[in-house]
PDB file of N, CA and C in Angstrom:
ATOM      1  N   UNK A   1     156.675  89.302 203.667  1.00  0.00           N
ATOM      2  CA  UNK A   1     157.736  88.535 203.028  1.00  0.00           C
ATOM      3  C   UNK A   1     158.255  89.311 201.826  1.00  0.00           C
ATOM      4  N   UNK A   2     159.379  88.904 201.333  1.00  0.00           N
ATOM      5  CA  UNK A   2     160.064  89.600 200.251  1.00  0.00           C
ATOM      6  C   UNK A   2     159.384  89.387 198.900  1.00  0.00           C
ATOM      7  N   UNK A   3     159.461  90.435 198.086  1.00  0.00           N
ATOM      8  CA  UNK A   3     158.928  90.409 196.735  1.00  0.00           C
ATOM      9  C   UNK A   3     160.077  90.088 195.778  1.00  0.00           C
ATOM     10  N   UNK A   4     159.937  88.997 195.042  1.00  0.00           N
ATOM     11  CA  UNK A   4     160.991  88.517 194.155  1.00  0.00           C
ATOM     12  C   UNK A   4     160.523  88.644 192.704  1.00  0.00           C
ATOM     13  N   UNK A   5     161.357  89.213 191.859  1.00  0.00           N
ATOM     14  CA  UNK A   5     161.086  89.226 190.424  1.00  0.00           C
ATOM     15  C   UNK A   5     161.896  88.111 189.779  1.00  0.00           C
ATOM     16  N   UNK A   6     161.196  87.187 189.145  1.00  0.00           N
ATOM     17  CA  UNK A   6     161.823  86.091 188.407  1.00  0.00           C
ATOM     18  C   UNK A   6     161.756  86.425 186.929  1.00  0.00           C
ATOM     19  N   UNK A   7     162.914  86.613 186.314  1.00  0.00           N
ATOM     20  CA  UNK A   7     162.984  86.898 184.882  1.00  0.00           C
ATOM     21  C   UNK A   7     163.514  85.637 184.217  1.00  0.00           C
ATOM     22  N   UNK A   8     162.610  84.904 183.587  1.00  0.00           N
ATOM     23  CA  UNK A   8     162.926  83.577 183.038  1.00  0.00           C
ATOM     24  C   UNK A   8     162.048  83.320 181.822  1.00  0.00           C
ATOM     25  N   UNK A   9     162.656  82.938 180.712  1.00  0.00           N
ATOM     26  CA  UNK A   9     161.876  82.702 179.499  1.00  0.00           C
ATOM     27  C   UNK A   9     161.364  81.268 179.368  1.00  0.00           C
ATOM     28  N   UNK A  10     161.958  80.330 180.075  1.00  0.00           N
ATOM     29  CA  UNK A  10     161.538  78.932 179.974  1.00  0.00           C
ATOM     30  C   UNK A  10     160.347  78.690 180.901  1.00  0.00           C
ATOM     31  N   UNK A  11     159.217  78.318 180.295  1.00  0.00           N
ATOM     32  CA  UNK A  11     157.977  78.172 181.064  1.00  0.00           C
ATOM     33  C   UNK A  11     158.092  77.135 182.177  1.00  0.00           C
ATOM     34  N   UNK A  12     158.735  76.022 181.903  1.00  0.00           N
ATOM     35  CA  UNK A  12     158.864  74.978 182.913  1.00  0.00           C
ATOM     36  C   UNK A  12     159.700  75.466 184.098  1.00  0.00           C
ATOM     37  N   UNK A  13     160.828  76.105 183.812  1.00  0.00           N
ATOM     38  CA  UNK A  13     161.675  76.647 184.879  1.00  0.00           C
ATOM     39  C   UNK A  13     160.934  77.717 185.681  1.00  0.00           C
ATOM     40  N   UNK A  14     160.236  78.582 184.967  1.00  0.00           N
ATOM     41  CA  UNK A  14     159.484  79.672 185.593  1.00  0.00           C
ATOM     42  C   UNK A  14     158.416  79.115 186.533  1.00  0.00           C
ATOM     43  N   UNK A  15     157.659  78.150 186.048  1.00  0.00           N
ATOM     44  CA  UNK A  15     156.573  77.571 186.838  1.00  0.00           C
ATOM     45  C   UNK A  15     157.112  76.854 188.076  1.00  0.00           C
ATOM     46  N   UNK A  16     158.115  76.020 187.877  1.00  0.00           N
ATOM     47  CA  UNK A  16     158.675  75.244 188.981  1.00  0.00           C
ATOM     48  C   UNK A  16     159.256  76.153 190.059  1.00  0.00           C
ATOM     49  N   UNK A  17     160.082  77.096 189.666  1.00  0.00           N
ATOM     50  CA  UNK A  17     160.745  77.943 190.657  1.00  0.00           C
ATOM     51  C   UNK A  17     159.760  78.896 191.328  1.00  0.00           C
ATOM     52  N   UNK A  18     158.840  79.465 190.578  1.00  0.00           N
ATOM     53  CA  UNK A  18     157.889  80.397 191.189  1.00  0.00           C
ATOM     54  C   UNK A  18     156.998  79.683 192.197  1.00  0.00           C
ATOM     55  N   UNK A  19     156.553  78.465 191.898  1.00  0.00           N
ATOM     56  CA  UNK A  19     155.723  77.721 192.844  1.00  0.00           C
ATOM     57  C   UNK A  19     156.502  77.359 194.104  1.00  0.00           C
ATOM     58  N   UNK A  20     157.734  76.930 193.938  1.00  0.00           N
ATOM     59  CA  UNK A  20     158.545  76.538 195.096  1.00  0.00           C
ATOM     60  C   UNK A  20     158.837  77.739 196.000  1.00  0.00           C
ATOM     61  N   UNK A  21     159.099  78.882 195.400  1.00  0.00           N
ATOM     62  CA  UNK A  21     159.365  80.082 196.201  1.00  0.00           C
ATOM     63  C   UNK A  21     158.094  80.602 196.861  1.00  0.00           C
ATOM     64  N   UNK A  22     156.965  80.552 196.149  1.00  0.00           N
ATOM     65  CA  UNK A  22     155.690  81.005 196.724  1.00  0.00           C
ATOM     66  C   UNK A  22     155.313  80.146 197.933  1.00  0.00           C
ATOM     67  N   UNK A  23     155.588  78.849 197.858  1.00  0.00           N
ATOM     68  CA  UNK A  23     155.295  77.976 198.996  1.00  0.00           C
ATOM     69  C   UNK A  23     156.116  78.347 200.223  1.00  0.00           C
ATOM     70  N   UNK A  24     157.223  79.011 200.014  1.00  0.00           N
ATOM     71  CA  UNK A  24     158.058  79.442 201.137  1.00  0.00           C
ATOM     72  C   UNK A  24     157.742  80.867 201.569  1.00  0.00           C
ATOM     73  N   UNK A  25     156.656  81.421 201.026  1.00  0.00           N
ATOM     74  CA  UNK A  25     156.183  82.721 201.487  1.00  0.00           C
ATOM     75  C   UNK A  25     156.619  83.922 200.688  1.00  0.00           C
ATOM     76  N   UNK A  26     157.390  83.734 199.637  1.00  0.00           N
ATOM     77  CA  UNK A  26     157.805  84.865 198.814  1.00  0.00           C
ATOM     78  C   UNK A  26     156.667  85.298 197.900  1.00  0.00           C
ATOM     79  N   UNK A  27     156.582  86.601 197.673  1.00  0.00           N
ATOM     80  CA  UNK A  27     155.675  87.129 196.654  1.00  0.00           C
ATOM     81  C   UNK A  27     156.461  87.118 195.346  1.00  0.00           C
ATOM     82  N   UNK A  28     155.890  86.523 194.309  1.00  0.00           N
ATOM     83  CA  UNK A  28     156.617  86.335 193.060  1.00  0.00           C
ATOM     84  C   UNK A  28     155.990  87.160 191.948  1.00  0.00           C
ATOM     85  N   UNK A  29     156.821  87.930 191.273  1.00  0.00           N
ATOM     86  CA  UNK A  29     156.456  88.621 190.036  1.00  0.00           C
ATOM     87  C   UNK A  29     157.249  87.943 188.929  1.00  0.00           C
ATOM     88  N   UNK A  30     156.705  87.934 187.726  1.00  0.00           N
ATOM     89  CA  UNK A  30     157.358  87.211 186.634  1.00  0.00           C
ATOM     90  C   UNK A  30     157.484  88.097 185.401  1.00  0.00           C
ATOM     91  N   UNK A  31     158.635  87.974 184.751  1.00  0.00           N
ATOM     92  CA  UNK A  31     158.851  88.550 183.427  1.00  0.00           C
ATOM     93  C   UNK A  31     159.451  87.457 182.556  1.00  0.00           C
ATOM     94  N   UNK A  32     159.070  87.447 181.275  1.00  0.00           N
ATOM     95  CA  UNK A  32     159.474  86.371 180.380  1.00  0.00           C
ATOM     96  C   UNK A  32     160.610  86.735 179.435  1.00  0.00           C
ATOM     97  N   UNK A  33     161.045  87.993 179.458  1.00  0.00           N
ATOM     98  CA  UNK A  33     162.155  88.401 178.595  1.00  0.00           C
ATOM     99  C   UNK A  33     162.867  89.596 179.211  1.00  0.00           C
ATOM    100  N   UNK A  34     163.976  89.982 178.593  1.00  0.00           N
ATOM    101  CA  UNK A  34     164.781  91.078 179.134  1.00  0.00           C
ATOM    102  C   UNK A  34     164.047  92.405 179.221  1.00  0.00           C
ATOM    103  N   UNK A  35     163.411  92.858 178.132  1.00  0.00           N
ATOM    104  CA  UNK A  35     162.679  94.126 178.213  1.00  0.00           C
ATOM    105  C   UNK A  35     161.563  94.089 179.265  1.00  0.00           C
ATOM    106  N   UNK A  36     160.858  92.963 179.365  1.00  0.00           N
ATOM    107  CA  UNK A  36     159.821  92.824 180.385  1.00  0.00           C
ATOM    108  C   UNK A  36     160.400  92.880 181.789  1.00  0.00           C
ATOM    109  N   UNK A  37     161.586  92.308 181.958  1.00  0.00           N
ATOM    110  CA  UNK A  37     162.252  92.359 183.256  1.00  0.00           C
ATOM    111  C   UNK A  37     162.583  93.778 183.665  1.00  0.00           C
ATOM    112  N   UNK A  38     163.095  94.567 182.721  1.00  0.00           N
ATOM    113  CA  UNK A  38     163.403  95.966 183.026  1.00  0.00           C
ATOM    114  C   UNK A  38     162.142  96.732 183.412  1.00  0.00           C
ATOM    115  N   UNK A  39     161.051  96.508 182.682  1.00  0.00           N
ATOM    116  CA  UNK A  39     159.785  97.180 183.003  1.00  0.00           C
ATOM    117  C   UNK A  39     159.280  96.765 184.388  1.00  0.00           C
ATOM    118  N   UNK A  40     159.333  95.465 184.680  1.00  0.00           N
ATOM    119  CA  UNK A  40     158.824  94.970 185.960  1.00  0.00           C
ATOM    120  C   UNK A  40     159.631  95.531 187.137  1.00  0.00           C
ATOM    121  N   UNK A  41     160.922  95.640 186.982  1.00  0.00           N
ATOM    122  CA  UNK A  41     161.739  96.197 188.074  1.00  0.00           C
ATOM    123  C   UNK A  41     161.285  97.615 188.383  1.00  0.00           C
ATOM    124  N   UNK A  42     161.038  98.395 187.349  1.00  0.00           N
ATOM    125  CA  UNK A  42     160.582  99.773 187.535  1.00  0.00           C
ATOM    126  C   UNK A  42     159.184  99.823 188.142  1.00  0.00           C
ATOM    127  N   UNK A  43     158.290  98.963 187.658  1.00  0.00           N
ATOM    128  CA  UNK A  43     156.900  98.970 188.121  1.00  0.00           C
ATOM    129  C   UNK A  43     156.733  98.384 189.515  1.00  0.00           C
ATOM    130  N   UNK A  44     157.440  97.303 189.808  1.00  0.00           N
ATOM    131  CA  UNK A  44     157.206  96.523 191.025  1.00  0.00           C
ATOM    132  C   UNK A  44     158.161  96.887 192.160  1.00  0.00           C
ATOM    133  N   UNK A  45     159.384  97.298 191.824  1.00  0.00           N
ATOM    134  CA  UNK A  45     160.429  97.562 192.816  1.00  0.00           C
ATOM    135  C   UNK A  45     160.645  96.353 193.718  1.00  0.00           C
ATOM    136  N   UNK A  46     161.058  95.220 193.136  1.00  0.00           N
ATOM    137  CA  UNK A  46     161.231  93.997 193.929  1.00  0.00           C
ATOM    138  C   UNK A  46     162.375  94.133 194.924  1.00  0.00           C
ATOM    139  N   UNK A  47     162.355  93.242 195.902  1.00  0.00           N
ATOM    140  CA  UNK A  47     163.437  93.202 196.887  1.00  0.00           C
ATOM    141  C   UNK A  47     164.665  92.490 196.329  1.00  0.00           C
ATOM    142  N   UNK A  48     164.445  91.636 195.315  1.00  0.00           N
ATOM    143  CA  UNK A  48     165.535  90.859 194.725  1.00  0.00           C
ATOM    144  C   UNK A  48     165.100  90.398 193.345  1.00  0.00           C
ATOM    145  N   UNK A  49     166.057  90.288 192.419  1.00  0.00           N
ATOM    146  CA  UNK A  49     165.788  89.808 191.063  1.00  0.00           C
ATOM    147  C   UNK A  49     166.542  88.504 190.844  1.00  0.00           C
ATOM    148  N   UNK A  50     165.809  87.486 190.385  1.00  0.00           N
ATOM    149  CA  UNK A  50     166.415  86.240 189.900  1.00  0.00           C
ATOM    150  C   UNK A  50     166.402  86.347 188.385  1.00  0.00           C
ATOM    151  N   UNK A  51     167.583  86.412 187.784  1.00  0.00           N
ATOM    152  CA  UNK A  51     167.717  86.791 186.382  1.00  0.00           C
ATOM    153  C   UNK A  51     168.375  85.704 185.553  1.00  0.00           C
ATOM    154  N   UNK A  52     167.581  85.088 184.676  1.00  0.00           N
ATOM    155  CA  UNK A  52     168.141  84.167 183.688  1.00  0.00           C
ATOM    156  C   UNK A  52     169.042  84.981 182.767  1.00  0.00           C
ATOM    157  N   UNK A  53     170.162  84.427 182.376  1.00  0.00           N
ATOM    158  CA  UNK A  53     171.099  85.187 181.559  1.00  0.00           C
ATOM    159  C   UNK A  53     170.868  85.002 180.061  1.00  0.00           C
ATOM    160  N   UNK A  54     170.166  83.953 179.668  1.00  0.00           N
ATOM    161  CA  UNK A  54     169.879  83.705 178.246  1.00  0.00           C
ATOM    162  C   UNK A  54     168.415  84.027 177.975  1.00  0.00           C
ATOM    163  N   UNK A  55     168.149  85.296 177.733  1.00  0.00           N
ATOM    164  CA  UNK A  55     166.779  85.774 177.539  1.00  0.00           C
ATOM    165  C   UNK A  55     166.584  86.314 176.129  1.00  0.00           C
ATOM    166  N   UNK A  56     165.360  86.214 175.609  1.00  0.00           N
ATOM    167  CA  UNK A  56     165.076  86.856 174.325  1.00  0.00           C
ATOM    168  C   UNK A  56     164.892  88.360 174.495  1.00  0.00           C
ATOM    169  N   UNK A  57     165.128  89.081 173.432  1.00  0.00           N
ATOM    170  CA  UNK A  57     164.907  90.526 173.439  1.00  0.00           C
ATOM    171  C   UNK A  57     166.082  91.312 173.963  1.00  0.00           C
ATOM    172  N   UNK A  58     166.583  90.916 175.090  1.00  0.00           N
ATOM    173  CA  UNK A  58     167.712  91.581 175.743  1.00  0.00           C
ATOM    174  C   UNK A  58     168.249  90.573 176.741  1.00  0.00           C
ATOM    175  N   UNK A  59     169.502  90.162 176.596  1.00  0.00           N
ATOM    176  CA  UNK A  59     169.994  89.096 177.472  1.00  0.00           C
ATOM    177  C   UNK A  59     170.197  89.591 178.907  1.00  0.00           C
ATOM    178  N   UNK A  60     170.337  88.643 179.813  1.00  0.00           N
ATOM    179  CA  UNK A  60     170.474  88.958 181.226  1.00  0.00           C
ATOM    180  C   UNK A  60     171.706  89.780 181.548  1.00  0.00           C
ATOM    181  N   UNK A  61     172.765  89.579 180.782  1.00  0.00           N
ATOM    182  CA  UNK A  61     173.993  90.353 181.017  1.00  0.00           C
ATOM    183  C   UNK A  61     173.683  91.851 180.853  1.00  0.00           C
ATOM    184  N   UNK A  62     172.960  92.184 179.776  1.00  0.00           N
ATOM    185  CA  UNK A  62     172.635  93.585 179.508  1.00  0.00           C
ATOM    186  C   UNK A  62     171.581  94.106 180.483  1.00  0.00           C
ATOM    187  N   UNK A  63     170.612  93.285 180.847  1.00  0.00           N
ATOM    188  CA  UNK A  63     169.611  93.699 181.837  1.00  0.00           C
ATOM    189  C   UNK A  63     170.312  94.069 183.144  1.00  0.00           C
ATOM    190  N   UNK A  64     171.224  93.231 183.595  1.00  0.00           N
ATOM    191  CA  UNK A  64     171.957  93.519 184.832  1.00  0.00           C
ATOM    192  C   UNK A  64     172.744  94.821 184.715  1.00  0.00           C
ATOM    193  N   UNK A  65     173.426  95.016 183.597  1.00  0.00           N
ATOM    194  CA  UNK A  65     174.199  96.258 183.402  1.00  0.00           C
ATOM    195  C   UNK A  65     173.292  97.487 183.522  1.00  0.00           C
ATOM    196  N   UNK A  66     172.142  97.419 182.865  1.00  0.00           N
ATOM    197  CA  UNK A  66     171.223  98.568 182.876  1.00  0.00           C
ATOM    198  C   UNK A  66     170.634  98.810 184.265  1.00  0.00           C
ATOM    199  N   UNK A  67     170.289  97.742 184.959  1.00  0.00           N
ATOM    200  CA  UNK A  67     169.739  97.919 186.312  1.00  0.00           C
ATOM    201  C   UNK A  67     170.768  98.544 187.243  1.00  0.00           C
ATOM    202  N   UNK A  68     172.014  98.113 187.148  1.00  0.00           N
ATOM    203  CA  UNK A  68     173.049  98.644 188.035  1.00  0.00           C
ATOM    204  C   UNK A  68     173.495 100.043 187.623  1.00  0.00           C
ATOM    205  N   UNK A  69     173.280 100.424 186.368  1.00  0.00           N
ATOM    206  CA  UNK A  69     173.639 101.770 185.913  1.00  0.00           C
ATOM    207  C   UNK A  69     172.571 102.801 186.275  1.00  0.00           C
ATOM    208  N   UNK A  70     171.382 102.346 186.625  1.00  0.00           N
ATOM    209  CA  UNK A  70     170.265 103.232 186.927  1.00  0.00           C
ATOM    210  C   UNK A  70     170.232 103.504 188.437  1.00  0.00           C
ATOM    211  N   UNK A  71     170.360 104.765 188.851  1.00  0.00           N
ATOM    212  CA  UNK A  71     170.365 105.075 190.283  1.00  0.00           C
ATOM    213  C   UNK A  71     169.099 104.617 191.025  1.00  0.00           C
ATOM    214  N   UNK A  72     167.974 104.512 190.326  1.00  0.00           N
ATOM    215  CA  UNK A  72     166.740 104.102 191.012  1.00  0.00           C
ATOM    216  C   UNK A  72     166.625 102.589 191.177  1.00  0.00           C
ATOM    217  N   UNK A  73     167.490 101.815 190.509  1.00  0.00           N
ATOM    218  CA  UNK A  73     167.414 100.351 190.630  1.00  0.00           C
ATOM    219  C   UNK A  73     168.739  99.706 191.024  1.00  0.00           C
ATOM    220  N   UNK A  74     169.793 100.481 191.148  1.00  0.00           N
ATOM    221  CA  UNK A  74     171.116  99.880 191.338  1.00  0.00           C
ATOM    222  C   UNK A  74     171.323  99.214 192.700  1.00  0.00           C
ATOM    223  N   UNK A  75     170.437  99.461 193.655  1.00  0.00           N
ATOM    224  CA  UNK A  75     170.599  98.820 194.958  1.00  0.00           C
ATOM    225  C   UNK A  75     169.829  97.500 195.072  1.00  0.00           C
ATOM    226  N   UNK A  76     169.063  97.142 194.052  1.00  0.00           N
ATOM    227  CA  UNK A  76     168.291  95.896 194.090  1.00  0.00           C
ATOM    228  C   UNK A  76     169.240  94.737 193.793  1.00  0.00           C
ATOM    229  N   UNK A  77     169.341  93.764 194.701  1.00  0.00           N
ATOM    230  CA  UNK A  77     170.238  92.629 194.463  1.00  0.00           C
ATOM    231  C   UNK A  77     169.755  91.763 193.297  1.00  0.00           C
ATOM    232  N   UNK A  78     170.720  91.252 192.549  1.00  0.00           N
ATOM    233  CA  UNK A  78     170.445  90.394 191.396  1.00  0.00           C
ATOM    234  C   UNK A  78     171.228  89.100 191.547  1.00  0.00           C
ATOM    235  N   UNK A  79     170.534  87.982 191.371  1.00  0.00           N
ATOM    236  CA  UNK A  79     171.202  86.682 191.290  1.00  0.00           C
ATOM    237  C   UNK A  79     171.060  86.180 189.865  1.00  0.00           C
ATOM    238  N   UNK A  80     172.185  85.954 189.210  1.00  0.00           N
ATOM    239  CA  UNK A  80     172.189  85.389 187.859  1.00  0.00           C
ATOM    240  C   UNK A  80     171.836  83.912 187.954  1.00  0.00           C
ATOM    241  N   UNK A  81     170.906  83.479 187.127  1.00  0.00           N
ATOM    242  CA  UNK A  81     170.558  82.066 187.017  1.00  0.00           C
ATOM    243  C   UNK A  81     170.927  81.626 185.612  1.00  0.00           C
ATOM    244  N   UNK A  82     171.799  80.638 185.512  1.00  0.00           N
ATOM    245  CA  UNK A  82     172.260  80.278 184.185  1.00  0.00           C
ATOM    246  C   UNK A  82     172.704  78.833 184.092  1.00  0.00           C
ATOM    247  N   UNK A  83     172.528  78.280 182.921  1.00  0.00           N
ATOM    248  CA  UNK A  83     173.063  76.952 182.640  1.00  0.00           C
ATOM    249  C   UNK A  83     174.534  77.059 182.248  1.00  0.00           C
ATOM    250  N   UNK A  84     175.021  78.294 182.074  1.00  0.00           N
ATOM    251  CA  UNK A  84     176.429  78.526 181.750  1.00  0.00           C
ATOM    252  C   UNK A  84     177.264  78.258 182.994  1.00  0.00           C
ATOM    253  N   UNK A  85     177.996  77.187 182.975  1.00  0.00           N
ATOM    254  CA  UNK A  85     178.802  76.834 184.144  1.00  0.00           C
ATOM    255  C   UNK A  85     180.267  76.681 183.753  1.00  0.00           C
ATOM    256  N   UNK A  86     180.652  77.372 182.722  1.00  0.00           N
ATOM    257  CA  UNK A  86     182.037  77.309 182.260  1.00  0.00           C
ATOM    258  C   UNK A  86     182.894  78.259 183.096  1.00  0.00           C
ATOM    259  N   UNK A  87     184.175  77.990 183.069  1.00  0.00           N
ATOM    260  CA  UNK A  87     185.104  78.853 183.785  1.00  0.00           C
ATOM    261  C   UNK A  87     184.962  80.280 183.263  1.00  0.00           C
ATOM    262  N   UNK A  88     184.849  81.217 184.156  1.00  0.00           N
ATOM    263  CA  UNK A  88     184.724  82.619 183.786  1.00  0.00           C
ATOM    264  C   UNK A  88     183.290  83.128 183.751  1.00  0.00           C
ATOM    265  N   UNK A  89     182.290  82.231 183.706  1.00  0.00           N
ATOM    266  CA  UNK A  89     180.898  82.682 183.641  1.00  0.00           C
ATOM    267  C   UNK A  89     180.465  83.388 184.916  1.00  0.00           C
ATOM    268  N   UNK A  90     180.904  82.897 186.066  1.00  0.00           N
ATOM    269  CA  UNK A  90     180.561  83.556 187.329  1.00  0.00           C
ATOM    270  C   UNK A  90     181.143  84.967 187.347  1.00  0.00           C
ATOM    271  N   UNK A  91     182.394  85.087 186.954  1.00  0.00           N
ATOM    272  CA  UNK A  91     183.044  86.396 186.931  1.00  0.00           C
ATOM    273  C   UNK A  91     182.343  87.331 185.958  1.00  0.00           C
ATOM    274  N   UNK A  92     181.936  86.800 184.801  1.00  0.00           N
ATOM    275  CA  UNK A  92     181.234  87.616 183.811  1.00  0.00           C
ATOM    276  C   UNK A  92     179.913  88.132 184.380  1.00  0.00           C
ATOM    277  N   UNK A  93     179.188  87.271 185.106  1.00  0.00           N
ATOM    278  CA  UNK A  93     177.922  87.689 185.720  1.00  0.00           C
ATOM    279  C   UNK A  93     178.165  88.788 186.750  1.00  0.00           C
ATOM    280  N   UNK A  94     179.177  88.620 187.580  1.00  0.00           N
ATOM    281  CA  UNK A  94     179.479  89.625 188.597  1.00  0.00           C
ATOM    282  C   UNK A  94     179.930  90.934 187.961  1.00  0.00           C
ATOM    283  N   UNK A  95     180.711  90.841 186.897  1.00  0.00           N
ATOM    284  CA  UNK A  95     181.161  92.050 186.199  1.00  0.00           C
ATOM    285  C   UNK A  95     180.002  92.791 185.548  1.00  0.00           C
ATOM    286  N   UNK A  96     178.973  92.068 185.134  1.00  0.00           N
ATOM    287  CA  UNK A  96     177.828  92.723 184.497  1.00  0.00           C
ATOM    288  C   UNK A  96     176.915  93.391 185.528  1.00  0.00           C
ATOM    289  N   UNK A  97     177.155  93.133 186.815  1.00  0.00           N
ATOM    290  CA  UNK A  97     176.390  93.797 187.860  1.00  0.00           C
ATOM    291  C   UNK A  97     175.623  92.870 188.783  1.00  0.00           C
ATOM    292  N   UNK A  98     175.617  91.590 188.482  1.00  0.00           N
ATOM    293  CA  UNK A  98     174.925  90.651 189.365  1.00  0.00           C
ATOM    294  C   UNK A  98     175.653  90.574 190.703  1.00  0.00           C
ATOM    295  N   UNK A  99     174.885  90.379 191.754  1.00  0.00           N
ATOM    296  CA  UNK A  99     175.451  90.305 193.094  1.00  0.00           C
ATOM    297  C   UNK A  99     175.851  88.887 193.471  1.00  0.00           C
ATOM    298  N   UNK A 100     175.274  87.910 192.784  1.00  0.00           N
ATOM    299  CA  UNK A 100     175.618  86.507 192.993  1.00  0.00           C
ATOM    300  C   UNK A 100     175.250  85.737 191.740  1.00  0.00           C
ATOM    301  N   UNK A 101     175.538  84.454 191.762  1.00  0.00           N
ATOM    302  CA  UNK A 101     175.446  83.610 190.577  1.00  0.00           C
ATOM    303  C   UNK A 101     175.039  82.223 191.020  1.00  0.00           C
ATOM    304  N   UNK A 102     174.110  81.603 190.303  1.00  0.00           N
ATOM    305  CA  UNK A 102     173.735  80.230 190.602  1.00  0.00           C
ATOM    306  C   UNK A 102     173.490  79.497 189.291  1.00  0.00           C
ATOM    307  N   UNK A 103     173.832  78.221 189.283  1.00  0.00           N
ATOM    308  CA  UNK A 103     173.720  77.441 188.059  1.00  0.00           C
ATOM    309  C   UNK A 103     172.437  76.619 188.039  1.00  0.00           C
ATOM    310  N   UNK A 104     171.999  76.345 186.818  1.00  0.00           N
ATOM    311  CA  UNK A 104     170.856  75.455 186.590  1.00  0.00           C
ATOM    312  C   UNK A 104     171.412  74.068 186.312  1.00  0.00           C
ATOM    313  N   UNK A 105     170.721  73.028 186.714  1.00  0.00           N
ATOM    314  CA  UNK A 105     169.430  73.069 187.390  1.00  0.00           C
ATOM    315  C   UNK A 105     169.571  73.629 188.801  1.00  0.00           C
ATOM    316  N   UNK A 106     168.534  74.337 189.215  1.00  0.00           N
ATOM    317  CA  UNK A 106     168.539  75.016 190.507  1.00  0.00           C
ATOM    318  C   UNK A 106     168.499  74.010 191.648  1.00  0.00           C
ATOM    319  N   UNK A 107     169.406  74.179 192.584  1.00  0.00           N
ATOM    320  CA  UNK A 107     169.342  73.453 193.857  1.00  0.00           C
ATOM    321  C   UNK A 107     168.731  74.435 194.846  1.00  0.00           C
ATOM    322  N   UNK A 108     167.458  74.227 195.176  1.00  0.00           N
ATOM    323  CA  UNK A 108     166.708  75.208 195.953  1.00  0.00           C
ATOM    324  C   UNK A 108     167.363  75.587 197.287  1.00  0.00           C
ATOM    325  N   UNK A 109     167.847  74.653 198.101  1.00  0.00           N
ATOM    326  CA  UNK A 109     168.472  75.082 199.369  1.00  0.00           C
ATOM    327  C   UNK A 109     169.642  76.049 199.154  1.00  0.00           C
ATOM    328  N   UNK A 110     170.454  75.773 198.151  1.00  0.00           N
ATOM    329  CA  UNK A 110     171.598  76.651 197.859  1.00  0.00           C
ATOM    330  C   UNK A 110     171.106  78.027 197.423  1.00  0.00           C
ATOM    331  N   UNK A 111     170.101  78.067 196.529  1.00  0.00           N
ATOM    332  CA  UNK A 111     169.566  79.341 196.063  1.00  0.00           C
ATOM    333  C   UNK A 111     168.929  80.116 197.217  1.00  0.00           C
ATOM    334  N   UNK A 112     168.178  79.440 198.061  1.00  0.00           N
ATOM    335  CA  UNK A 112     167.544  80.108 199.204  1.00  0.00           C
ATOM    336  C   UNK A 112     168.580  80.728 200.135  1.00  0.00           C
ATOM    337  N   UNK A 113     169.706  80.039 200.339  1.00  0.00           N
ATOM    338  CA  UNK A 113     170.782  80.605 201.167  1.00  0.00           C
ATOM    339  C   UNK A 113     171.325  81.888 200.546  1.00  0.00           C
ATOM    340  N   UNK A 114     171.542  81.870 199.246  1.00  0.00           N
ATOM    341  CA  UNK A 114     172.057  83.064 198.563  1.00  0.00           C
ATOM    342  C   UNK A 114     171.049  84.202 198.641  1.00  0.00           C
ATOM    343  N   UNK A 115     169.774  83.872 198.434  1.00  0.00           N
ATOM    344  CA  UNK A 115     168.724  84.887 198.524  1.00  0.00           C
ATOM    345  C   UNK A 115     168.677  85.490 199.915  1.00  0.00           C
ATOM    346  N   UNK A 116     168.727  84.652 200.947  1.00  0.00           N
ATOM    347  CA  UNK A 116     168.659  85.132 202.324  1.00  0.00           C
ATOM    348  C   UNK A 116     169.816  86.083 202.639  1.00  0.00           C
ATOM    349  N   UNK A 117     170.990  85.721 202.184  1.00  0.00           N
ATOM    350  CA  UNK A 117     172.169  86.574 202.416  1.00  0.00           C
ATOM    351  C   UNK A 117     171.995  87.939 201.769  1.00  0.00           C
ATOM    352  N   UNK A 118     171.577  87.955 200.503  1.00  0.00           N
ATOM    353  CA  UNK A 118     171.420  89.232 199.801  1.00  0.00           C
ATOM    354  C   UNK A 118     170.260  90.063 200.351  1.00  0.00           C
ATOM    355  N   UNK A 119     169.169  89.408 200.698  1.00  0.00           N
ATOM    356  CA  UNK A 119     168.028  90.136 201.252  1.00  0.00           C
ATOM    357  C   UNK A 119     168.388  90.740 202.611  1.00  0.00           C
ATOM    358  N   UNK A 120     169.138  90.026 203.425  1.00  0.00           N
ATOM    359  CA  UNK A 120     169.555  90.560 204.728  1.00  0.00           C
ATOM    360  C   UNK A 120     170.504  91.739 204.550  1.00  0.00           C
ATOM    361  N   UNK A 121     171.404  91.632 203.598  1.00  0.00           N
ATOM    362  CA  UNK A 121     172.370  92.697 203.341  1.00  0.00           C
ATOM    363  C   UNK A 121     171.676  93.951 202.800  1.00  0.00           C
ATOM    364  N   UNK A 122     170.718  93.747 201.891  1.00  0.00           N
ATOM    365  CA  UNK A 122     170.089  94.908 201.260  1.00  0.00           C
ATOM    366  C   UNK A 122     169.105  95.609 202.184  1.00  0.00           C
ATOM    367  N   UNK A 123     168.598  94.915 203.207  1.00  0.00           N
ATOM    368  CA  UNK A 123     167.637  95.540 204.115  1.00  0.00           C
ATOM    369  C   UNK A 123     168.307  96.187 205.322  1.00  0.00           C
ATOM    370  N   UNK A 124     169.616  95.979 205.476  1.00  0.00           N
ATOM    371  CA  UNK A 124     170.283  96.568 206.641  1.00  0.00           C
ATOM    372  C   UNK A 124     170.869  97.923 206.347  1.00  0.00           C
TER     373      UNK A 124
END
């Protein structure tokens, strides 16, 4: 099954989402801030990154930019996870390098569909 890196600073969100994804067979790695997320991507080489955009240390917008600017990580799909649901936020996430965007609170079926699409695309 796919290895997913969840970069999320909120413990409740992290726990809930990681448990729900693990029950569906995903291997879950966790980082609690932006710098930790960058390190984990390099160390773990996940199949997909779920990236909170409001992170301490280095926000998700900058983490996405750096991952997509790095030739060794630029092919890893990123889904932005954010409570920012204002007009233009989706476009901002995509411009920063995210491959898709999902709003909090997470609707798991919708997120799983997005993950499946990106994982299928990146493995072909």
